[in-house]
Amino acid sequence: MSISLNIATGYVDIAILNILRREFPELLKLPSLLTHSYYVLMIGSVSKEAFEKYIEAQKGV
C-alpha cells in the first residue's frame, strides 16, 4: 500500500490537533490551528539559507 505525502501529513495534522485540543480545551474556540501547507526538503537540494528564508516567509501566512 502506498500513500501520498499530502495524505500522510493530513493524518499527522489531525492527530496533533486532537491531542492539542484534548490537552488545551481553550483551543476549541479557535477556527484553525494549522495551515494547509507543508514543506518537503531533500537533503542537499536546498541550502540552509533558502530553507530559513522560506520558513520566515511563512510566518506571515
C-alpha atoms as a PDB file:
ATOM      1  CA  MET A   1       0.000   0.000   0.000  1.00  0.00           C
ATOM      2  CA  SER A   2       1.293   3.442  -0.836  1.00  0.00           C
ATOM      3  CA  ILE A   3       0.071   6.775   0.419  1.00  0.00           C
ATOM      4  CA  SER A   4       0.816  10.240  -0.895  1.00  0.00           C
ATOM      5  CA  LEU A   5       2.742  12.723   1.196  1.00  0.00           C
ATOM      6  CA  ASN A   6      -0.138  15.189   1.441  1.00  0.00           C
ATOM      7  CA  ILE A   7      -2.474  12.468   2.762  1.00  0.00           C
ATOM      8  CA  ALA A   8       0.134  11.346   5.300  1.00  0.00           C
ATOM      9  CA  THR A   9       0.711  14.893   6.549  1.00  0.00           C
ATOM     10  CA  GLY A  10      -3.051  15.336   6.815  1.00  0.00           C
ATOM     11  CA  TYR A  11      -3.278  12.315   9.115  1.00  0.00           C
ATOM     12  CA  VAL A  12      -0.444  13.667  11.250  1.00  0.00           C
ATOM     13  CA  ASP A  13      -2.115  17.095  11.413  1.00  0.00           C
ATOM     14  CA  ILE A  14      -5.404  15.569  12.569  1.00  0.00           C
ATOM     15  CA  ALA A  15      -3.657  13.528  15.247  1.00  0.00           C
ATOM     16  CA  ILE A  16      -1.753  16.569  16.507  1.00  0.00           C
ATOM     17  CA  LEU A  17      -4.904  18.713  16.564  1.00  0.00           C
ATOM     18  CA  ASN A  18      -6.809  16.085  18.528  1.00  0.00           C
ATOM     19  CA  ILE A  19      -4.046  15.864  21.127  1.00  0.00           C
ATOM     20  CA  LEU A  20      -3.685  19.638  21.432  1.00  0.00           C
ATOM     21  CA  ARG A  21      -7.410  20.243  21.743  1.00  0.00           C
ATOM     22  CA  ARG A  22      -7.737  17.484  24.340  1.00  0.00           C
ATOM     23  CA  GLU A  23      -4.889  18.956  26.403  1.00  0.00           C
ATOM     24  CA  PHE A  24      -5.904  22.593  25.887  1.00  0.00           C
ATOM     25  CA  PRO A  25      -9.723  22.903  25.624  1.00  0.00           C
ATOM     26  CA  GLU A  26      -9.475  26.663  25.071  1.00  0.00           C
ATOM     27  CA  LEU A  27      -8.133  25.886  21.604  1.00  0.00           C
ATOM     28  CA  LEU A  28     -11.610  24.665  20.638  1.00  0.00           C
ATOM     29  CA  LYS A  29     -12.632  28.323  20.364  1.00  0.00           C
ATOM     30  CA  LEU A  30     -10.156  28.936  17.548  1.00  0.00           C
ATOM     31  CA  PRO A  31     -11.276  28.315  13.967  1.00  0.00           C
ATOM     32  CA  SER A  32      -7.983  26.727  12.908  1.00  0.00           C
ATOM     33  CA  LEU A  33      -4.569  25.951  14.329  1.00  0.00           C
ATOM     34  CA  LEU A  34      -2.699  24.695  11.281  1.00  0.00           C
ATOM     35  CA  THR A  35      -2.184  25.870   7.733  1.00  0.00           C
ATOM     36  CA  HIS A  36      -2.742  23.681   4.700  1.00  0.00           C
ATOM     37  CA  SER A  37       0.881  23.984   3.629  1.00  0.00           C
ATOM     38  CA  TYR A  38       3.843  21.777   4.284  1.00  0.00           C
ATOM     39  CA  TYR A  39       7.457  21.821   3.222  1.00  0.00           C
ATOM     40  CA  VAL A  40       9.477  18.863   1.998  1.00  0.00           C
ATOM     41  CA  LEU A  41      13.239  19.136   1.839  1.00  0.00           C
ATOM     42  CA  MET A  42      15.538  16.613   0.265  1.00  0.00           C
ATOM     43  CA  ILE A  43      18.912  16.825   1.932  1.00  0.00           C
ATOM     44  CA  GLY A  44      21.404  18.553  -0.295  1.00  0.00           C
ATOM     45  CA  SER A  45      18.859  20.027  -2.684  1.00  0.00           C
ATOM     46  CA  VAL A  46      18.315  23.357  -0.912  1.00  0.00           C
ATOM     47  CA  SER A  47      20.665  25.460   1.151  1.00  0.00           C
ATOM     48  CA  LYS A  48      20.031  26.094   4.812  1.00  0.00           C
ATOM     49  CA  GLU A  49      19.625  29.791   3.998  1.00  0.00           C
ATOM     50  CA  ALA A  50      16.920  29.088   1.408  1.00  0.00           C
ATOM     51  CA  PHE A  51      15.082  26.878   3.893  1.00  0.00           C
ATOM     52  CA  GLU A  52      15.260  29.537   6.615  1.00  0.00           C
ATOM     53  CA  LYS A  53      14.033  32.192   4.167  1.00  0.00           C
ATOM     54  CA  TYR A  54      11.037  30.004   3.294  1.00  0.00           C
ATOM     55  CA  ILE A  55      10.181  29.450   6.974  1.00  0.00           C
ATOM     56  CA  GLU A  56      10.410  33.183   7.708  1.00  0.00           C
ATOM     57  CA  ALA A  57       8.121  33.947   4.763  1.00  0.00           C
ATOM     58  CA  GLN A  58       5.518  31.503   6.122  1.00  0.00           C
ATOM     59  CA  LYS A  59       5.229  33.333   9.443  1.00  0.00           C
ATOM     60  CA  GLY A  60       3.031  35.989   7.848  1.00  0.00           C
ATOM     61  CA  VAL A  61       0.642  33.464   6.270  1.00  0.00           C
END
